[in-house]
C-alpha cells in the first residue's frame, strides 16, 4: 500500500474507513468494503494504478458517480476502487463535425448545459443525468426517456481512449460518421461495466437542438386504451422525443408525494414531441 501512496498525490489515495464505506456501494444497495480508494487526475494516473493492481493481483473496479442500479461500481473485497470523478473536463466541442471530446468524470447534465449554450444537445438522458457521469453512462450503455427516438449511449460513442487491466493504453473508434474497417472494439467496451478496461477519454456524437419542443400529458380511464394509444402513435409514423407510461399505482405514488389532481386516472402517457417549426 505504501507504493500505491507513492504513485499518486497524497490527497488522491485513501484507506480511511469513511471513504471505504462511502465508495463501497452504489445505487444497487450492494455493499462490499474495498481495500483503498484512489482518485486519478489524468490518464497517466490511471495507467499507474492499473499497472500496480495488475502486478500485485489486486482487483480494480472503476467508478463514476455510483448511480448504477446493477452493481457495476461495487468493489471486490480487498480490491481498489478507482473513482474517475476528478477527470471531469470537457476537452473539445467540435461543432464543425458535431462531436465532443470529454473525460469520463464529466456530469451528463453539465455537458447538456454546455452544449445547450451553443445550440446543440447530447440525446442520451438517464434519469440520474444531473449527477451521473459520461464514463458511467458508457460503461453501462445508459439510456433515458429520449431513447425511443434517439437511442442510447452506445449510439453516440464514436471513439474511446481506455486503459487495459495491465496498464496498456488503447485508442479505438473513429472521428468520422463512417468507420467500417477493422474490429469494432469500441462497441465491445460500451456496456462492459469496467470489466474489460477503464475508459479515460470519450468522443461523442452531438446533434443540433430542435427548434421546438412540445410536452403533452394524456390521461386514460382504461389501461388497455393507453397501450393502444402507444401502438397508434408509433404506427402513424410519429416518433415522439419521449413517451412515458404511468399505471394507476405509479400515479397514486406520485399523487401521494405531490398532489396534482390526477388520482382518478387509470393510466397516463407523458409525451414530448420535437422538430422544426415548419413541420
Protein backbone atom coordinates (compact mmCIF):
# COMPACT_ATOMS: atom_id res chain seq x y z
CA UNK A 1 0.00 0.00 0.00
CA UNK A 2 2.88 2.37 0.62
CA UNK A 3 3.82 2.05 -3.04
CA UNK A 4 0.26 2.99 -4.02
CA UNK A 5 0.57 6.17 -1.96
CA UNK A 6 3.79 6.99 -3.78
CA UNK A 7 2.19 6.59 -7.20
CA UNK A 8 -0.31 9.42 -6.79
CA UNK A 9 -0.63 12.69 -4.93
CA UNK A 10 -1.27 12.34 -1.22
CA UNK A 11 -4.87 13.52 -1.46
CA UNK A 12 -5.63 11.10 -4.29
CA UNK A 13 -5.37 7.90 -2.23
CA UNK A 14 -7.38 6.95 0.84
CA UNK A 15 -7.73 3.98 3.15
CA UNK A 16 -9.79 5.82 5.76
CA UNK A 17 -12.88 3.91 6.95
CA UNK A 18 -15.29 6.69 5.97
CA UNK A 19 -14.08 6.69 2.36
CA UNK A 20 -14.09 2.90 2.15
CA UNK A 21 -17.69 2.84 3.35
CA UNK A 22 -18.85 5.63 1.00
CA UNK A 23 -17.21 4.06 -2.05
CA UNK A 24 -18.19 0.50 -1.16
CA UNK A 25 -21.68 0.63 -2.67
CA UNK A 26 -23.73 2.11 -5.49
CA UNK A 27 -27.46 2.57 -6.15
CA UNK A 28 -27.90 -1.22 -6.24
CA UNK A 29 -27.54 -1.11 -2.42
CA UNK A 30 -24.98 -3.92 -2.58
CA UNK A 31 -22.05 -3.07 -0.32
CA UNK A 32 -18.53 -4.52 -0.20
CA UNK A 33 -15.63 -2.90 1.63
CA UNK A 34 -12.66 -2.13 -0.67
CA UNK A 35 -9.05 -2.01 0.44
CA UNK A 36 -8.47 1.51 -0.87
CA UNK A 37 -9.96 4.32 -2.95
CA UNK A 38 -7.96 6.30 -5.50
CA UNK A 39 -8.86 9.41 -7.48
CA UNK A 40 -6.77 9.74 -10.66
CA UNK A 41 -6.49 13.18 -12.24
CA UNK A 42 -5.43 12.09 -15.72
CA UNK A 43 -4.82 9.07 -17.93
CA UNK A 44 -1.26 8.68 -16.67
CA UNK A 45 -2.58 8.20 -13.13
CA UNK A 46 -4.97 5.51 -14.37
CA UNK A 47 -2.10 3.71 -16.11
CA UNK A 48 0.00 3.77 -12.93
CA UNK A 49 -2.78 2.40 -10.73
CA UNK A 50 -3.70 -0.27 -13.31
CA UNK A 51 -0.10 -1.47 -13.54
CA UNK A 52 0.15 -1.59 -9.73
CA UNK A 53 -3.07 -3.58 -9.36
CA UNK A 54 -2.13 -5.97 -12.17
CA UNK A 55 1.36 -6.66 -10.84
CA UNK A 56 0.00 -7.33 -7.35
CA UNK A 57 -3.08 -9.30 -8.44
CA UNK A 58 -5.45 -6.80 -6.80
CA UNK A 59 -9.00 -6.34 -8.19
CA UNK A 60 -9.50 -2.85 -9.61
CA UNK A 61 -13.04 -1.50 -10.01
CA UNK A 62 -13.72 1.80 -11.85
CA UNK A 63 -16.44 4.09 -10.56
CA UNK A 64 -18.29 7.09 -11.95
CA UNK A 65 -20.91 8.58 -9.65
CA UNK A 66 -22.26 5.31 -8.22
CA UNK A 67 -25.76 5.82 -9.67
CA UNK A 68 -25.96 2.38 -11.29
CA UNK A 69 -28.61 0.00 -10.01
CA UNK A 70 -26.85 -3.04 -11.47
CA UNK A 71 -23.88 -3.14 -9.07
CA UNK A 72 -21.39 -2.06 -11.72
CA UNK A 73 -19.40 0.09 -9.30
CA UNK A 74 -19.48 -2.29 -6.33
CA UNK A 75 -15.89 -3.26 -5.46
CA UNK A 76 -14.46 -6.70 -4.79
CA UNK A 77 -13.46 -7.36 -1.19
CA UNK A 78 -9.81 -6.43 -0.83
CA UNK A 79 -9.89 -4.54 -4.12
CA UNK A 80 -9.24 -0.94 -5.11
CA UNK A 81 -11.95 1.49 -6.22
CA UNK A 82 -10.66 3.89 -8.88
CA UNK A 83 -13.05 6.83 -8.88
CA UNK A 84 -12.87 8.92 -12.05
CA UNK A 85 -14.84 11.88 -10.73
CA UNK A 86 -11.84 14.23 -10.82
CA UNK A 87 -11.29 13.62 -14.55
CA UNK A 88 -14.15 15.97 -15.35
CA UNK A 89 -13.08 18.20 -18.23
CA UNK A 90 -14.87 18.88 -21.49
CA UNK A 91 -11.80 18.85 -23.73
CA UNK A 92 -13.28 19.81 -27.09
CA UNK A 93 -16.59 20.84 -28.64
CA UNK A 94 -16.25 20.40 -32.40
CA UNK A 95 -19.38 21.97 -33.91
CA UNK A 96 -17.95 21.67 -37.43
CA UNK A 97 -18.10 17.87 -37.17
CA UNK A 98 -20.78 17.56 -34.47
CA UNK A 99 -18.60 15.80 -31.91
CA UNK A 100 -17.45 16.46 -28.37
CA UNK A 101 -14.44 15.05 -26.50
CA UNK A 102 -14.81 14.56 -22.73
CA UNK A 103 -13.14 12.92 -19.78
CA UNK A 104 -15.12 10.17 -18.03
CA UNK A 105 -15.97 12.21 -14.94
CA UNK A 106 -17.98 14.86 -16.80
CA UNK A 107 -21.54 15.00 -15.47
CA UNK A 108 -24.14 14.26 -18.14
CA UNK A 109 -26.24 17.27 -17.16
CA UNK A 110 -23.22 19.59 -17.20
CA UNK A 111 -22.45 18.50 -20.75
CA UNK A 112 -26.06 19.09 -21.72
CA UNK A 113 -25.93 22.64 -20.33
CA UNK A 114 -22.65 23.45 -22.09
CA UNK A 115 -23.95 22.18 -25.40
CA UNK A 116 -27.25 24.00 -24.91
CA UNK A 117 -25.49 27.35 -24.80
CA UNK A 118 -24.19 26.60 -28.31
CA UNK A 119 -27.46 25.32 -29.77
CA UNK A 120 -26.64 21.60 -29.60
CA UNK A 121 -27.58 18.64 -27.41
CA UNK A 122 -26.45 15.14 -26.45
CA UNK A 123 -29.55 12.91 -26.67
CA UNK A 124 -28.99 10.18 -24.01
CA UNK A 125 -30.71 11.44 -20.85
CA UNK A 126 -30.69 8.95 -17.95
CA UNK A 127 -32.98 9.78 -15.02
CA UNK A 128 -29.83 10.50 -13.00
CA UNK A 129 -28.41 12.85 -15.65
CA UNK A 130 -27.84 15.68 -13.19
CA UNK A 131 -25.29 13.65 -11.25
CA UNK A 132 -24.31 10.59 -13.31
CA UNK A 133 -21.08 10.70 -15.33
CA UNK A 134 -20.50 10.19 -19.03
CA UNK A 135 -17.93 7.48 -18.24
CA UNK A 136 -20.50 5.63 -16.17
CA UNK A 137 -23.08 6.07 -18.93
CA UNK A 138 -20.68 4.48 -21.42
CA UNK A 139 -19.80 1.65 -19.05
CA UNK A 140 -23.49 0.88 -18.52
CA UNK A 141 -24.68 1.86 -22.03
CA UNK A 142 -27.24 4.05 -20.29
CA UNK A 143 -30.42 5.34 -21.88
CA UNK A 144 -33.29 7.56 -20.85
CA UNK A 145 -36.73 8.79 -21.90
CA UNK A 146 -35.41 10.09 -25.23
CA UNK A 147 -34.22 6.59 -26.22
CA UNK A 148 -37.45 5.90 -28.11
CA UNK A 149 -36.41 8.43 -30.77
CA UNK A 150 -32.69 8.95 -30.31
CA UNK A 151 -31.35 5.67 -28.92
CA UNK A 152 -28.93 5.03 -26.04
CA UNK A 153 -25.35 5.95 -25.14
CA UNK A 154 -23.74 3.40 -27.45
CA UNK A 155 -25.40 5.03 -30.45
CA UNK A 156 -23.40 8.22 -29.80
CA UNK A 157 -19.98 6.89 -28.80
CA UNK A 158 -17.60 7.46 -31.70
CA UNK A 159 -14.21 6.76 -30.14
CA UNK A 160 -12.71 5.77 -26.80
CA UNK A 161 -9.40 6.01 -25.02
CA UNK A 162 -9.08 3.20 -22.49
CA UNK A 163 -6.56 1.58 -20.16
CA UNK A 164 -6.39 -2.22 -20.20
CA UNK A 165 -6.01 -4.21 -16.96
CA UNK A 166 -2.22 -4.44 -17.36
CA UNK A 167 -1.86 -0.70 -17.91
CA UNK A 168 -1.63 -0.63 -21.70
CA UNK A 169 -3.34 2.37 -23.32
CA UNK A 170 -5.52 1.87 -26.39
CA UNK A 171 -7.44 4.12 -28.77
CA UNK A 172 -10.44 2.66 -30.56
CA UNK A 173 -13.15 4.05 -32.81
CA UNK A 174 -13.19 6.88 -35.34
CA UNK A 175 -13.90 10.60 -35.59
CA UNK A 176 -15.99 10.27 -38.73
CA UNK A 177 -19.64 9.25 -39.24
CA UNK A 178 -18.49 6.21 -41.23
CA UNK A 179 -15.81 3.83 -39.96
CA UNK A 180 -16.18 0.23 -41.09
CA UNK A 181 -12.60 -1.07 -41.20
CA UNK A 182 -11.27 -3.44 -38.55
CA UNK A 183 -12.69 -4.86 -35.34
CA UNK A 184 -15.29 -2.75 -33.54
CA UNK A 185 -13.59 -2.74 -30.15
CA UNK A 186 -15.37 0.45 -29.16
CA UNK A 187 -18.73 -1.32 -29.11
CA UNK A 188 -17.22 -4.16 -27.10
CA UNK A 189 -16.18 -1.71 -24.37
CA UNK A 190 -19.53 0.13 -24.29
CA UNK A 191 -21.70 -1.56 -21.66
CA UNK A 192 -18.87 -3.71 -20.29
CA UNK A 193 -19.19 -2.12 -16.80
CA UNK A 194 -15.44 -1.70 -16.37
CA UNK A 195 -14.68 -5.40 -16.70
CA UNK A 196 -12.53 -5.01 -19.83
CA UNK A 197 -10.86 -1.63 -19.39
CA UNK A 198 -11.03 1.75 -17.68
CA UNK A 199 -12.30 4.41 -20.05
CA UNK A 200 -10.31 7.65 -19.86
CA UNK A 201 -11.47 9.59 -22.92
CA UNK A 202 -14.74 9.64 -24.85
CA UNK A 203 -15.64 11.20 -28.19
CA UNK A 204 -19.40 11.55 -28.63
CA UNK A 205 -21.68 12.50 -31.47
CA UNK A 206 -23.92 15.51 -30.78
CA UNK A 207 -26.93 16.96 -32.61
CA UNK A 208 -28.37 20.44 -33.26
CA UNK A 209 -31.14 21.33 -30.86
CA UNK A 210 -34.64 21.07 -32.36
CA UNK A 211 -36.38 24.38 -32.93
CA UNK A 212 -39.49 23.42 -30.99
CA UNK A 213 -40.39 21.05 -28.14
CA UNK A 214 -43.98 20.34 -27.05
CA UNK A 215 -44.97 18.33 -23.96
CA UNK A 216 -48.33 16.60 -23.61
CA UNK A 217 -49.99 14.82 -20.67
CA UNK A 218 -52.75 12.40 -21.70
CA UNK A 219 -54.94 10.63 -19.14
CA UNK A 220 -56.94 7.45 -19.67
CA UNK A 221 -59.72 5.77 -17.71
CA UNK A 222 -58.81 2.41 -19.24
CA UNK A 223 -55.40 0.74 -19.09
CA UNK A 224 -55.75 -1.09 -22.41
CA UNK A 225 -56.68 2.14 -24.18
CA UNK A 226 -53.37 3.70 -23.13
CA UNK A 227 -51.48 0.77 -24.62
CA UNK A 228 -53.49 1.01 -27.83
CA UNK A 229 -52.63 4.72 -27.98
CA UNK A 230 -48.90 3.95 -27.82
CA UNK A 231 -49.22 1.50 -30.70
CA UNK A 232 -51.29 4.00 -32.64
CA UNK A 233 -48.71 6.76 -32.21
CA UNK A 234 -45.82 4.61 -33.39
CA UNK A 235 -47.74 3.07 -36.31
CA UNK A 236 -48.77 6.54 -37.51
CA UNK A 237 -45.07 7.25 -38.18
CA UNK A 238 -44.89 9.91 -35.49
CA UNK A 239 -41.83 9.18 -33.31
CA UNK A 240 -42.06 11.17 -30.06
CA UNK A 241 -38.98 12.56 -28.37
CA UNK A 242 -40.21 10.79 -25.22
CA UNK A 243 -43.16 8.54 -24.48
CA UNK A 244 -43.54 7.55 -20.84
CA UNK A 245 -46.29 5.38 -19.36
CA UNK A 246 -47.66 5.50 -15.80
CA UNK A 247 -50.16 2.99 -14.43
CA UNK A 248 -52.54 3.61 -11.56
CA UNK A 249 -50.06 2.53 -8.87
CA UNK A 250 -47.40 4.89 -10.19
CA UNK A 251 -49.92 7.73 -10.43
CA UNK A 252 -51.06 7.22 -6.84
CA UNK A 253 -47.45 7.17 -5.62
CA UNK A 254 -46.82 10.47 -7.43
CA UNK A 255 -50.05 11.95 -6.06
CA UNK A 256 -49.06 10.97 -2.53
CA UNK A 257 -45.75 12.76 -2.94
CA UNK A 258 -47.10 15.84 -4.76
CA UNK A 259 -50.88 16.04 -5.34
CA UNK A 260 -51.76 17.40 -8.79
CA UNK A 261 -55.34 16.23 -9.37
CA UNK A 262 -54.68 13.07 -11.37
CA UNK A 263 -55.56 10.43 -8.78
CA UNK A 264 -58.65 9.23 -10.68
CA UNK A 265 -56.75 8.40 -13.87
CA UNK A 266 -56.24 4.73 -14.68
CA UNK A 267 -53.17 5.47 -16.81
CA UNK A 268 -51.13 8.39 -18.10
CA UNK A 269 -48.93 8.99 -21.10
CA UNK A 270 -46.29 11.71 -20.90
CA UNK A 271 -45.39 12.65 -24.46
CA UNK A 272 -42.78 15.04 -25.76
CA UNK A 273 -42.50 15.99 -29.42
CA UNK A 274 -39.71 17.91 -31.10
CA UNK A 275 -38.91 19.17 -34.57
CA UNK A 276 -38.62 22.21 -36.80
CA UNK A 277 -41.23 24.95 -36.63
CA UNK A 278 -42.07 24.46 -40.32
CA UNK A 279 -43.03 20.83 -39.74
